[in-house]
Amino acid sequence: MATQVQIGTAQKAADQELEEKLGHTAILDAKQATDDEHAQTLMQGLRETRKAVFWSILLSMTIIMEGYDTILIGNFFAYPEFQKKFGQYYGGKIGWQVNGEWQTALNMGSTAGAVVGGLLNGYMASRFGYRWTLIASLGILNAFIFIVFFAPSAQVLLVGEILCGLSWGVFATLAPAYASEVCPTNLRGYLTTYVNLCWAIGQFLATGVLRGCLSIVGDMGYRIPFAVQWIWPIPLMVVCFLAPESPWWLVRVERLEQAKHSITRLSGEKTEAQINNQLAMMVHTIRVEAEATRGATYLDCFKGENLRRTEIVCVAFMGQILSGSSFAYTPTYFFTTAGMDTAQAFNLSLGAKGMAFIGTILSWWLITYWGRRTLYVGGMGLLCLILLLVGILDVSAGSRGLWPSGGLCILWLFVYSLTVGPLAYSIIAETSSVRLRPLSVVLSRTSYQLINIVSQFLQAYMMNPVEWNLLGKTGFFWGGTAFCVFVWAYFRLPEVKGRTYEELDILFMNKVSARKFATTHVDPYAGTAAAPEDTMEIEHKTSST
């Protein structure tokens, strides 16, 4: 059964502008590019856009730096030398501890900086492009690392964390956006979820460095992990300088010749005709979106169908925190406060990060067959169940359930890295409109950081033995928040697997239900090819006919 949907104004304007800019055959060229993307196999995509894959992988490595630092502070609270330098002595079994107030402040420092950095990045990336924004952020970070390395007090360390957070806010938003724009539809899921793999690599490296420095006496015990961050910025600045700019950004700012050159640099075995077709498709997509979204400001992200897209990217990203990551992702402090030996707690954490690495790689295989929606909804349900089991174990077994709780935390991390963790990056990069992508991704990351601030405040008090001292019972709270996101995702999260950006624009314009996205057929060029009517056909497939 077919439904006629009126979208003629946007379609006509896009067709007319495309012909004016690229010639009278440009509409057919754009349609051919869309058809080619749908027909392209995984191996064809890798062969024809292997350079795009290469540059996407390299630029996404900026996330390794964010993943590395994010885990440092949380683990330092269980670090003997850090506790002595920035904490207080409480005597007895408690010993040296950083109190809940300063745990909250230090945890929130980089997060607050990342919020500001992310918001600034939305405008910087839209005006100056992805490459130069990343280069500037890396250069600034190189200087700010000196502050955290030489910090003589918690106050100075807090300032350093806030300033470093400015750059991390840029990395977290630009890397998935760049990955989604330089690669074809059938590779988007792999390369946007690779961002989460970089996060896991950074945290695995940080845990290894922390474990290796655990026996070092004095300030260098915690300063060396900070110093390791100087390895990354300069090499990555060179990579960003040599990398091609996103062709989608170049089309947005009307630099069509440069966009074509960028597509050529990102291509492997594409012909001149295929490159021209891809450029035509980009121009057509941008023009269709321009009719629905006249401006490109943060306010536009909350107008019309973009409001729904903004809701999806923000809540999907907040789901990473609400799934219990503040508690179960870095459980080292939980285990040490519950009585586990510090070295054993770091060993367990190192093994958990290895599971995160494996889980993210396996997620590439799962998204090939199950897409985004099924894995995100199912994964969130499993995470909720695991957290509730941790809470039940703490109530029923107390300290005797410490190692079983550790096993459940590792299982939680594996499921998280298999589903919610990597898929959130894919969802935010693919669901946002091309025209508003830098701004939409920033809003999603800002939402993530804001809920993270609340999470870090609560977590610091729930786990600290001189504050609320809830220990494993914290699983009940995060299990409840995970359940709320599970319900939201079931009703509101659409399936975007296999869709071009223009097809997603049409689905959102016509308010297609989230649960019908996967079974709705869209042809963006049906009206042009079939008849001069101001309609476009959308067919809802049924499983029985």
Protein backbone atom coordinates (compact mmCIF):
# COMPACT_ATOMS: atom_id res chain seq x y z
CA MET A 1 0.00 0.00 0.00
CA ALA A 2 1.37 3.44 -0.94
CA THR A 3 0.90 6.87 0.56
CA GLN A 4 1.29 10.12 -1.42
CA VAL A 5 3.22 12.67 0.60
CA GLN A 6 3.37 16.34 -0.36
CA ILE A 7 6.93 17.67 -0.27
CA GLY A 8 7.02 19.39 -3.64
CA THR A 9 8.42 22.78 -2.60
CA ALA A 10 11.65 21.43 -1.15
CA GLN A 11 12.04 18.95 -4.01
CA LYS A 12 11.51 21.52 -6.77
CA ALA A 13 13.86 24.05 -5.21
CA ALA A 14 16.56 21.40 -4.75
CA ASP A 15 16.16 20.16 -8.33
CA GLN A 16 16.32 23.65 -9.78
CA GLU A 17 19.40 24.72 -7.82
CA LEU A 18 21.16 21.45 -8.59
CA GLU A 19 20.66 21.96 -12.34
CA GLU A 20 21.85 25.57 -12.11
CA LYS A 21 25.04 24.61 -10.31
CA LEU A 22 26.01 21.31 -11.94
CA GLY A 23 24.08 21.09 -15.24
CA HIS A 24 20.81 19.65 -16.54
CA THR A 25 21.86 16.00 -15.94
CA ALA A 26 22.77 16.61 -12.29
CA ILE A 27 19.46 15.26 -10.92
CA LEU A 28 20.00 11.93 -12.64
CA ASP A 29 23.60 11.94 -11.43
CA ALA A 30 22.45 12.45 -7.84
CA LYS A 31 19.91 9.63 -8.15
CA GLN A 32 22.61 7.36 -9.56
CA ALA A 33 24.87 8.11 -6.58
CA THR A 34 22.05 7.19 -4.18
CA ASP A 35 21.36 3.95 -6.06
CA ASP A 36 25.08 3.12 -6.09
CA GLU A 37 25.32 3.53 -2.30
CA HIS A 38 22.42 1.14 -1.75
CA ALA A 39 23.87 -1.42 -4.15
CA GLN A 40 27.38 -1.17 -2.75
CA THR A 41 28.65 -4.17 -0.78
CA LEU A 42 30.93 -3.90 2.23
CA MET A 43 34.02 -4.92 0.25
CA GLN A 44 33.16 -2.52 -2.57
CA GLY A 45 32.79 0.27 -0.05
CA LEU A 46 36.17 -0.51 1.50
CA ARG A 47 37.82 -0.68 -1.93
CA GLU A 48 36.25 2.45 -3.39
CA THR A 49 36.61 4.61 -0.26
CA ARG A 50 39.63 3.04 1.43
CA LYS A 51 41.32 6.44 1.78
CA ALA A 52 38.23 7.80 3.56
CA VAL A 53 38.39 4.86 5.98
CA PHE A 54 42.08 5.57 6.56
CA TRP A 55 41.58 9.26 7.37
CA SER A 56 38.50 8.58 9.49
CA ILE A 57 40.44 6.07 11.60
CA LEU A 58 43.30 8.51 12.13
CA LEU A 59 41.18 11.53 13.07
CA SER A 60 39.05 9.43 15.42
CA MET A 61 42.21 8.72 17.41
CA THR A 62 41.72 12.09 19.11
CA ILE A 63 39.07 10.27 21.16
CA ILE A 64 41.84 8.08 22.64
CA MET A 65 43.04 11.17 24.49
CA GLU A 66 39.60 11.88 25.93
CA GLY A 67 39.10 8.24 26.93
CA TYR A 68 42.53 8.21 28.56
CA ASP A 69 41.94 11.27 30.73
CA THR A 70 38.33 10.49 31.58
CA ILE A 71 39.37 7.39 33.44
CA LEU A 72 42.40 8.95 35.17
CA ILE A 73 40.64 11.10 37.74
CA GLY A 74 38.07 8.45 38.68
CA ASN A 75 40.83 5.89 39.27
CA PHE A 76 43.11 8.38 41.05
CA PHE A 77 40.63 8.43 43.92
CA ALA A 78 41.73 4.85 44.63
CA TYR A 79 45.42 5.73 44.04
CA PRO A 80 47.51 5.87 47.24
CA GLU A 81 49.90 8.67 46.17
CA PHE A 82 47.09 10.81 44.78
CA GLN A 83 45.06 10.34 47.97
CA LYS A 84 48.02 11.51 50.07
CA LYS A 85 48.64 14.58 47.88
CA PHE A 86 45.06 15.82 47.45
CA GLY A 87 43.12 14.03 50.22
CA GLN A 88 42.83 13.93 54.00
CA TYR A 89 43.64 11.27 56.56
CA TYR A 90 40.54 9.82 58.27
CA GLY A 91 42.31 7.16 60.34
CA GLY A 92 41.41 3.52 60.92
CA LYS A 93 40.34 1.40 57.96
CA ILE A 94 39.39 4.44 55.88
CA GLY A 95 42.90 5.96 55.80
CA TRP A 96 43.62 8.60 53.16
CA GLN A 97 40.60 9.72 51.16
CA VAL A 98 39.66 12.57 48.83
CA ASN A 99 36.38 13.78 50.33
CA GLY A 100 33.13 13.79 48.42
CA GLU A 101 33.23 17.54 47.81
CA TRP A 102 36.58 17.45 46.02
CA GLN A 103 35.81 14.19 44.23
CA THR A 104 32.74 15.89 42.79
CA ALA A 105 34.67 19.03 41.84
CA LEU A 106 37.56 17.18 40.15
CA ASN A 107 35.19 14.83 38.33
CA MET A 108 33.13 17.76 37.09
CA GLY A 109 36.10 19.90 36.06
CA SER A 110 36.83 18.38 32.68
CA THR A 111 33.12 17.80 32.12
CA ALA A 112 32.32 21.48 32.64
CA GLY A 113 35.16 22.43 30.31
CA ALA A 114 33.90 19.96 27.72
CA VAL A 115 30.43 21.53 27.79
CA VAL A 116 31.86 24.96 26.97
CA GLY A 117 34.31 23.54 24.44
CA GLY A 118 31.57 21.58 22.71
CA LEU A 119 29.29 24.61 22.40
CA LEU A 120 32.11 26.73 20.98
CA ASN A 121 33.00 23.92 18.63
CA GLY A 122 29.54 24.01 17.05
CA TYR A 123 30.25 27.48 15.69
CA MET A 124 33.98 26.97 15.09
CA ALA A 125 33.50 23.82 13.02
CA SER A 126 30.67 25.39 11.02
CA ARG A 127 32.82 28.41 10.19
CA PHE A 128 36.39 27.09 9.92
CA GLY A 129 35.86 23.42 9.09
CA TYR A 130 36.73 20.24 10.96
CA ARG A 131 40.48 20.13 10.30
CA TRP A 132 41.48 23.56 11.57
CA THR A 133 39.19 23.31 14.58
CA LEU A 134 40.90 20.06 15.58
CA ILE A 135 44.39 21.47 14.97
CA ALA A 136 43.70 24.50 17.19
CA SER A 137 42.21 22.31 19.94
CA LEU A 138 45.20 19.96 19.94
CA GLY A 139 47.64 22.86 20.17
CA ILE A 140 45.77 24.37 23.12
CA LEU A 141 45.61 21.01 24.91
CA ASN A 142 49.36 20.57 24.57
CA ALA A 143 49.81 23.70 26.69
CA PHE A 144 47.11 22.96 29.26
CA ILE A 145 48.59 19.55 30.15
CA PHE A 146 51.42 21.47 31.90
CA ILE A 147 48.89 22.75 34.45
CA VAL A 148 47.62 19.32 35.54
CA PHE A 149 51.14 17.87 35.53
CA PHE A 150 52.63 20.51 37.85
CA ALA A 151 49.47 21.16 39.93
CA PRO A 152 50.57 21.78 43.55
CA SER A 153 47.04 21.70 44.95
CA ALA A 154 43.56 20.41 44.23
CA GLN A 155 42.48 23.93 43.27
CA VAL A 156 45.12 24.22 40.52
CA LEU A 157 44.39 20.68 39.36
CA LEU A 158 40.73 21.60 39.03
CA VAL A 159 41.59 24.63 36.86
CA GLY A 160 43.78 22.44 34.66
CA GLU A 161 41.03 19.86 34.25
CA ILE A 162 38.53 22.55 33.22
CA LEU A 163 40.91 23.99 30.61
CA CYS A 164 41.82 20.55 29.21
CA GLY A 165 38.10 19.79 29.01
CA LEU A 166 37.69 22.59 26.44
CA SER A 167 39.67 20.53 23.92
CA TRP A 168 38.11 17.20 24.87
CA GLY A 169 34.69 18.68 24.18
CA VAL A 170 35.85 19.38 20.61
CA PHE A 171 37.28 15.89 20.06
CA ALA A 172 34.13 14.16 21.31
CA THR A 173 31.89 16.00 18.84
CA LEU A 174 34.05 16.33 15.72
CA ALA A 175 35.38 12.78 15.46
CA PRO A 176 32.00 11.00 14.97
CA ALA A 177 30.75 13.82 12.72
CA TYR A 178 33.80 13.56 10.44
CA ALA A 179 33.57 9.76 10.33
CA SER A 180 29.90 9.87 9.31
CA GLU A 181 30.49 12.43 6.54
CA VAL A 182 33.53 11.03 4.72
CA CYS A 183 32.28 7.43 4.37
CA PRO A 184 29.40 5.83 2.39
CA THR A 185 26.20 4.57 3.98
CA ASN A 186 27.30 0.94 4.41
CA LEU A 187 30.49 1.96 6.28
CA ARG A 188 29.02 4.67 8.51
CA GLY A 189 28.06 2.29 11.31
CA TYR A 190 31.51 0.72 11.51
CA LEU A 191 33.47 3.97 11.51
CA THR A 192 31.21 5.87 13.90
CA THR A 193 31.28 2.97 16.38
CA TYR A 194 35.07 2.83 15.92
CA VAL A 195 35.01 6.10 17.89
CA ASN A 196 33.93 4.05 20.92
CA LEU A 197 36.79 1.63 20.26
CA CYS A 198 39.19 4.59 20.47
CA TRP A 199 37.55 5.49 23.78
CA ALA A 200 38.09 1.91 25.00
CA ILE A 201 41.73 1.97 23.80
CA GLY A 202 42.34 5.21 25.71
CA GLN A 203 40.86 3.80 28.88
CA PHE A 204 42.73 0.50 28.49
CA LEU A 205 46.01 2.43 28.11
CA ALA A 206 45.20 4.60 31.11
CA THR A 207 44.42 1.59 33.29
CA GLY A 208 47.67 -0.09 32.21
CA VAL A 209 49.71 3.05 32.96
CA LEU A 210 48.01 3.45 36.34
CA ARG A 211 48.70 -0.18 37.23
CA GLY A 212 52.34 0.18 36.16
CA CYS A 213 52.84 3.34 38.24
CA LEU A 214 51.05 1.99 41.31
CA SER A 215 54.30 1.12 43.10
CA ILE A 216 56.02 4.47 42.41
CA VAL A 217 56.41 6.48 45.62
CA GLY A 218 55.95 10.25 45.59
CA ASP A 219 54.31 12.74 43.24
CA MET A 220 55.63 11.05 40.09
CA GLY A 221 53.33 8.14 40.88
CA TYR A 222 50.37 10.19 39.62
CA ARG A 223 52.26 12.71 37.45
CA ILE A 224 53.59 10.14 34.99
CA PRO A 225 50.03 9.15 33.89
CA PHE A 226 49.36 12.86 33.24
CA ALA A 227 52.63 13.22 31.29
CA VAL A 228 51.75 10.36 28.92
CA GLN A 229 49.13 12.68 27.39
CA TRP A 230 51.90 14.68 25.70
CA ILE A 231 52.48 11.77 23.31
CA TRP A 232 49.37 12.53 21.23
CA PRO A 233 48.81 16.20 20.30
CA ILE A 234 51.70 16.99 17.91
CA PRO A 235 51.44 13.81 15.76
CA LEU A 236 47.68 14.26 15.55
CA MET A 237 48.08 17.91 14.54
CA VAL A 238 50.19 16.73 11.58
CA VAL A 239 47.54 14.13 10.68
CA CYS A 240 44.77 16.75 10.77
CA PHE A 241 46.79 19.13 8.60
CA LEU A 242 47.32 16.46 5.94
CA ALA A 243 43.74 15.08 6.07
CA PRO A 244 41.12 16.14 3.49
CA GLU A 245 38.29 18.36 4.74
CA SER A 246 34.79 16.91 4.97
CA PRO A 247 33.20 17.32 1.50
CA TRP A 248 29.79 17.80 3.14
CA TRP A 249 31.12 20.83 5.04
CA LEU A 250 32.63 22.23 1.83
CA VAL A 251 29.27 21.85 0.04
CA ARG A 252 27.52 23.58 2.94
CA VAL A 253 29.80 26.61 2.53
CA GLU A 254 29.45 26.60 -1.29
CA ARG A 255 33.02 25.48 -2.10
CA LEU A 256 32.03 22.94 -4.72
CA GLU A 257 35.40 22.66 -6.50
CA GLN A 258 37.14 22.03 -3.19
CA ALA A 259 34.42 19.53 -2.26
CA LYS A 260 35.05 17.62 -5.49
CA HIS A 261 38.79 17.63 -4.78
CA SER A 262 38.11 16.33 -1.27
CA ILE A 263 35.89 13.52 -2.61
CA THR A 264 38.69 12.59 -5.01
CA ARG A 265 41.21 12.44 -2.16
CA LEU A 266 38.86 10.31 -0.07
CA SER A 267 38.16 7.86 -2.91
CA GLY A 268 40.02 4.71 -3.76
CA GLU A 269 38.85 3.40 -7.12
CA LYS A 270 35.97 5.77 -7.94
CA THR A 271 35.65 6.99 -11.50
CA GLU A 272 35.26 10.65 -12.47
CA ALA A 273 31.57 10.00 -13.15
CA GLN A 274 31.05 8.48 -9.69
CA ILE A 275 32.74 11.47 -8.06
CA ASN A 276 30.50 13.89 -9.99
CA ASN A 277 27.44 11.84 -9.02
CA GLN A 278 28.38 11.93 -5.35
CA LEU A 279 28.87 15.70 -5.46
CA ALA A 280 25.46 16.11 -7.09
CA MET A 281 23.83 14.00 -4.36
CA MET A 282 25.46 16.13 -1.65
CA VAL A 283 24.29 19.39 -3.23
CA HIS A 284 20.75 18.00 -3.62
CA THR A 285 20.61 16.78 -0.01
CA ILE A 286 21.87 20.09 1.39
CA ARG A 287 19.33 22.02 -0.71
CA VAL A 288 16.38 19.87 0.41
CA GLU A 289 17.39 20.44 4.04
CA ALA A 290 17.86 24.17 3.42
CA GLU A 291 14.18 24.47 2.46
CA ALA A 292 13.15 22.95 5.79
CA THR A 293 15.87 24.71 7.80
CA ARG A 294 16.59 28.23 6.63
CA GLY A 295 19.31 28.93 9.18
CA ALA A 296 22.04 26.93 10.84
CA THR A 297 21.93 27.95 14.50
CA TYR A 298 21.35 26.07 17.74
CA LEU A 299 17.78 27.39 17.75
CA ASP A 300 17.12 25.69 14.39
CA CYS A 301 17.84 22.34 16.03
CA PHE A 302 14.61 22.78 18.01
CA LYS A 303 12.35 23.74 15.10
CA GLY A 304 10.09 21.50 13.01
CA GLU A 305 11.24 17.94 12.40
CA ASN A 306 14.69 18.84 13.73
CA LEU A 307 13.24 18.93 17.25
CA ARG A 308 12.56 15.19 17.03
CA ARG A 309 16.07 14.55 15.70
CA THR A 310 17.57 16.62 18.51
CA GLU A 311 15.58 14.65 21.08
CA ILE A 312 16.87 11.36 19.65
CA VAL A 313 20.56 12.31 19.55
CA CYS A 314 20.47 13.90 23.01
CA VAL A 315 18.62 11.12 24.84
CA ALA A 316 20.54 8.35 23.02
CA PHE A 317 23.83 9.91 24.12
CA MET A 318 22.59 10.55 27.68
CA GLY A 319 21.73 6.85 27.72
CA GLN A 320 25.44 6.11 28.04
CA ILE A 321 25.43 7.78 31.47
CA LEU A 322 21.94 6.72 32.54
CA SER A 323 22.82 3.08 31.79
CA GLY A 324 25.07 3.19 34.88
CA SER A 325 28.48 3.92 33.36
CA SER A 326 29.53 6.19 36.25
CA PHE A 327 29.19 3.17 38.54
CA ALA A 328 30.04 0.06 36.53
CA TYR A 329 32.37 1.35 33.80
CA THR A 330 35.21 2.25 36.19
CA PRO A 331 34.53 0.14 39.30
CA THR A 332 38.05 0.40 40.78
CA TYR A 333 37.03 2.84 43.50
CA PHE A 334 33.96 0.73 44.30
CA PHE A 335 36.11 -2.37 44.85
CA THR A 336 38.78 -0.63 46.97
CA THR A 337 36.23 1.04 49.25
CA ALA A 338 34.44 -2.30 49.60
CA GLY A 339 37.64 -3.90 50.87
CA MET A 340 39.45 -5.31 47.81
CA ASP A 341 43.24 -4.96 47.63
CA THR A 342 44.23 -1.93 45.53
CA ALA A 343 46.47 -3.91 43.15
CA GLN A 344 43.77 -6.55 42.64
CA ALA A 345 41.19 -3.83 41.97
CA PHE A 346 43.37 -2.32 39.23
CA ASN A 347 44.03 -5.77 37.78
CA LEU A 348 40.30 -6.38 37.61
CA SER A 349 39.77 -2.99 35.99
CA LEU A 350 42.48 -3.73 33.40
CA GLY A 351 40.73 -6.98 32.48
CA ALA A 352 37.41 -5.15 32.25
CA LYS A 353 38.86 -2.63 29.77
CA GLY A 354 40.13 -5.53 27.67
CA MET A 355 36.56 -6.85 27.56
CA ALA A 356 35.40 -3.40 26.44
CA PHE A 357 37.85 -3.54 23.54
CA ILE A 358 36.62 -6.98 22.47
CA GLY A 359 32.97 -5.98 22.87
CA THR A 360 33.32 -2.94 20.60
CA ILE A 361 34.96 -5.02 17.85
CA LEU A 362 32.18 -7.62 18.08
CA SER A 363 29.59 -4.81 17.82
CA TRP A 364 30.73 -4.26 14.20
CA TRP A 365 29.49 -7.73 13.36
CA LEU A 366 26.21 -7.28 15.20
CA ILE A 367 25.24 -3.97 13.55
CA THR A 368 25.65 -5.62 10.14
CA TYR A 369 22.66 -7.85 10.83
CA TRP A 370 20.64 -6.17 13.57
CA GLY A 371 21.11 -2.47 12.98
CA ARG A 372 21.06 0.23 15.66
CA ARG A 373 17.61 0.19 17.24
CA THR A 374 17.46 -3.52 18.17
CA LEU A 375 20.92 -3.53 19.73
CA TYR A 376 20.41 -0.29 21.64
CA VAL A 377 17.02 -1.30 23.07
CA GLY A 378 18.09 -4.86 23.88
CA GLY A 379 21.43 -3.75 25.31
CA MET A 380 19.81 -1.19 27.60
CA GLY A 381 17.45 -3.86 28.93
CA LEU A 382 20.36 -6.19 29.75
CA LEU A 383 22.34 -3.42 31.44
CA CYS A 384 19.34 -2.63 33.62
CA LEU A 385 19.08 -6.27 34.70
CA ILE A 386 22.82 -6.58 35.52
CA LEU A 387 22.78 -3.44 37.68
CA LEU A 388 19.79 -4.71 39.64
CA LEU A 389 21.65 -8.00 40.24
CA VAL A 390 24.65 -6.06 41.63
CA GLY A 391 22.33 -4.30 44.06
CA ILE A 392 20.63 -7.53 45.10
CA LEU A 393 24.02 -9.21 45.63
CA ASP A 394 25.21 -6.40 47.89
CA VAL A 395 22.06 -6.59 50.04
CA SER A 396 22.05 -10.39 50.29
CA ALA A 397 25.77 -11.24 50.49
CA GLY A 398 27.57 -8.05 51.59
CA SER A 399 31.37 -8.35 51.39
CA ARG A 400 31.10 -12.03 50.43
CA GLY A 401 29.60 -10.93 47.10
CA LEU A 402 32.52 -8.67 46.21
CA TRP A 403 34.10 -10.90 43.56
CA PRO A 404 30.75 -11.93 42.04
CA SER A 405 29.92 -8.22 41.85
CA GLY A 406 33.23 -7.70 40.07
CA GLY A 407 32.24 -10.38 37.56
CA LEU A 408 28.89 -8.68 36.99
CA CYS A 409 30.62 -5.32 36.43
CA ILE A 410 32.84 -6.91 33.79
CA LEU A 411 29.75 -8.48 32.18
CA TRP A 412 28.05 -5.07 32.28
CA LEU A 413 31.05 -3.48 30.56
CA PHE A 414 31.10 -6.18 27.89
CA VAL A 415 27.37 -5.75 27.11
CA TYR A 416 27.76 -1.95 27.18
CA SER A 417 30.68 -2.09 24.72
CA LEU A 418 28.72 -4.47 22.53
CA THR A 419 25.61 -2.29 22.34
CA VAL A 420 24.90 1.10 23.96
CA GLY A 421 28.48 2.37 24.11
CA PRO A 422 29.43 2.25 20.40
CA LEU A 423 25.91 2.62 19.01
CA ALA A 424 25.35 5.98 20.69
CA TYR A 425 28.12 7.44 18.52
CA SER A 426 26.58 5.95 15.41
CA ILE A 427 23.10 7.22 16.28
CA ILE A 428 24.14 10.83 16.98
CA ALA A 429 26.20 11.07 13.80
CA GLU A 430 23.64 9.47 11.48
CA THR A 431 20.36 10.83 12.88
CA SER A 432 21.27 14.53 12.82
CA SER A 433 20.63 16.43 9.59
CA VAL A 434 23.65 17.18 7.41
CA ARG A 435 23.08 20.92 7.51
CA LEU A 436 22.87 21.04 11.32
CA ARG A 437 25.21 18.15 12.13
CA PRO A 438 28.01 20.09 13.87
CA LEU A 439 25.42 21.82 16.06
CA SER A 440 23.28 18.70 16.69
CA VAL A 441 26.27 16.60 17.69
CA VAL A 442 27.40 19.36 20.04
CA LEU A 443 23.95 19.50 21.64
CA SER A 444 23.95 15.74 22.13
CA ARG A 445 27.38 15.85 23.72
CA THR A 446 26.39 18.81 25.89
CA SER A 447 23.34 16.87 27.10
CA TYR A 448 25.65 13.96 27.86
CA GLN A 449 28.01 16.19 29.82
CA LEU A 450 25.23 17.88 31.79
CA ILE A 451 23.73 14.58 32.88
CA ASN A 452 27.28 13.42 33.57
CA ILE A 453 27.77 16.30 35.99
CA VAL A 454 24.69 15.20 37.93
CA SER A 455 25.86 11.60 37.75
CA GLN A 456 29.35 12.39 39.05
CA PHE A 457 27.93 14.40 41.94
CA LEU A 458 25.64 11.53 42.99
CA GLN A 459 28.23 8.82 42.37
CA ALA A 460 30.88 10.56 44.46
CA TYR A 461 28.56 10.65 47.46
CA MET A 462 26.96 7.23 46.93
CA MET A 463 30.34 5.45 46.84
CA ASN A 464 32.46 7.46 49.28
CA PRO A 465 32.90 5.69 52.66
CA VAL A 466 32.86 9.04 54.48
CA GLU A 467 29.63 10.12 52.76
CA TRP A 468 26.60 7.90 51.90
CA ASN A 469 28.60 4.64 51.58
CA LEU A 470 25.95 2.79 49.50
CA LEU A 471 28.49 0.57 47.67
CA GLY A 472 26.73 -2.10 45.58
CA LYS A 473 23.29 -0.78 46.43
CA THR A 474 24.06 1.99 43.95
CA GLY A 475 23.11 -0.58 41.31
CA PHE A 476 19.43 -0.15 42.22
CA PHE A 477 19.53 3.56 41.36
CA TRP A 478 21.30 3.16 38.02
CA GLY A 479 19.19 0.13 37.17
CA GLY A 480 16.14 2.38 37.48
CA THR A 481 17.58 5.07 35.19
CA ALA A 482 18.56 2.41 32.64
CA PHE A 483 14.99 1.11 32.64
CA CYS A 484 13.64 4.60 31.87
CA VAL A 485 15.93 4.88 28.83
CA PHE A 486 14.92 1.37 27.74
CA VAL A 487 11.26 2.43 27.65
CA TRP A 488 12.09 5.65 25.77
CA ALA A 489 14.21 3.82 23.19
CA TYR A 490 11.48 1.29 22.46
CA PHE A 491 8.97 3.98 21.52
CA ARG A 492 11.17 6.80 20.17
CA LEU A 493 14.43 5.44 18.69
CA PRO A 494 14.23 4.83 14.90
CA GLU A 495 16.32 2.43 12.81
CA VAL A 496 18.69 4.37 10.50
CA LYS A 497 20.68 1.41 9.16
CA GLY A 498 21.13 1.49 5.38
CA ARG A 499 19.55 4.94 4.89
CA THR A 500 21.17 7.78 2.95
CA TYR A 501 20.98 11.19 4.58
CA GLU A 502 18.40 12.36 2.04
CA GLU A 503 16.14 9.38 2.79
CA LEU A 504 16.37 10.12 6.51
CA ASP A 505 15.40 13.75 5.80
CA ILE A 506 12.24 12.56 4.04
CA LEU A 507 11.32 10.07 6.77
CA PHE A 508 11.60 12.76 9.44
CA MET A 509 9.78 15.35 7.31
CA ASN A 510 6.84 12.97 7.02
CA LYS A 511 6.84 12.07 10.75
CA VAL A 512 7.20 8.33 10.17
CA SER A 513 6.89 6.35 13.42
CA ALA A 514 10.18 5.19 14.95
CA ARG A 515 9.03 1.56 14.77
CA LYS A 516 8.24 1.89 11.04
CA PHE A 517 11.53 3.43 9.88
CA ALA A 518 13.03 0.06 8.96
CA THR A 519 9.98 -1.07 6.93
CA THR A 520 9.41 2.14 4.98
CA HIS A 521 10.63 2.43 1.39
CA VAL A 522 11.72 5.90 0.24
CA ASP A 523 12.78 7.11 -3.21
CA PRO A 524 13.94 10.75 -3.01
CA TYR A 525 13.83 11.08 -6.80
CA ALA A 526 10.51 9.30 -7.48
CA GLY A 527 8.64 12.53 -8.19
CA THR A 528 11.33 13.74 -10.61
CA ALA A 529 11.66 10.51 -12.49
CA ALA A 530 8.02 9.55 -12.76
CA ALA A 531 5.97 12.69 -13.25
CA PRO A 532 6.03 16.46 -12.78
CA GLU A 533 3.73 16.19 -9.79
CA ASP A 534 4.63 17.68 -6.43
CA THR A 535 4.53 14.29 -4.71
CA MET A 536 6.92 11.63 -3.60
CA GLU A 537 5.91 8.04 -3.03
CA ILE A 538 6.58 6.32 0.24
CA GLU A 539 5.65 2.65 0.49
CA HIS A 540 5.16 0.82 3.75
CA LYS A 541 6.23 -2.76 3.28
CA THR A 542 4.41 -5.59 4.98
CA SER A 543 5.93 -8.87 5.98
CA SER A 544 3.20 -10.96 4.43
CA THR A 545 2.82 -9.43 0.94
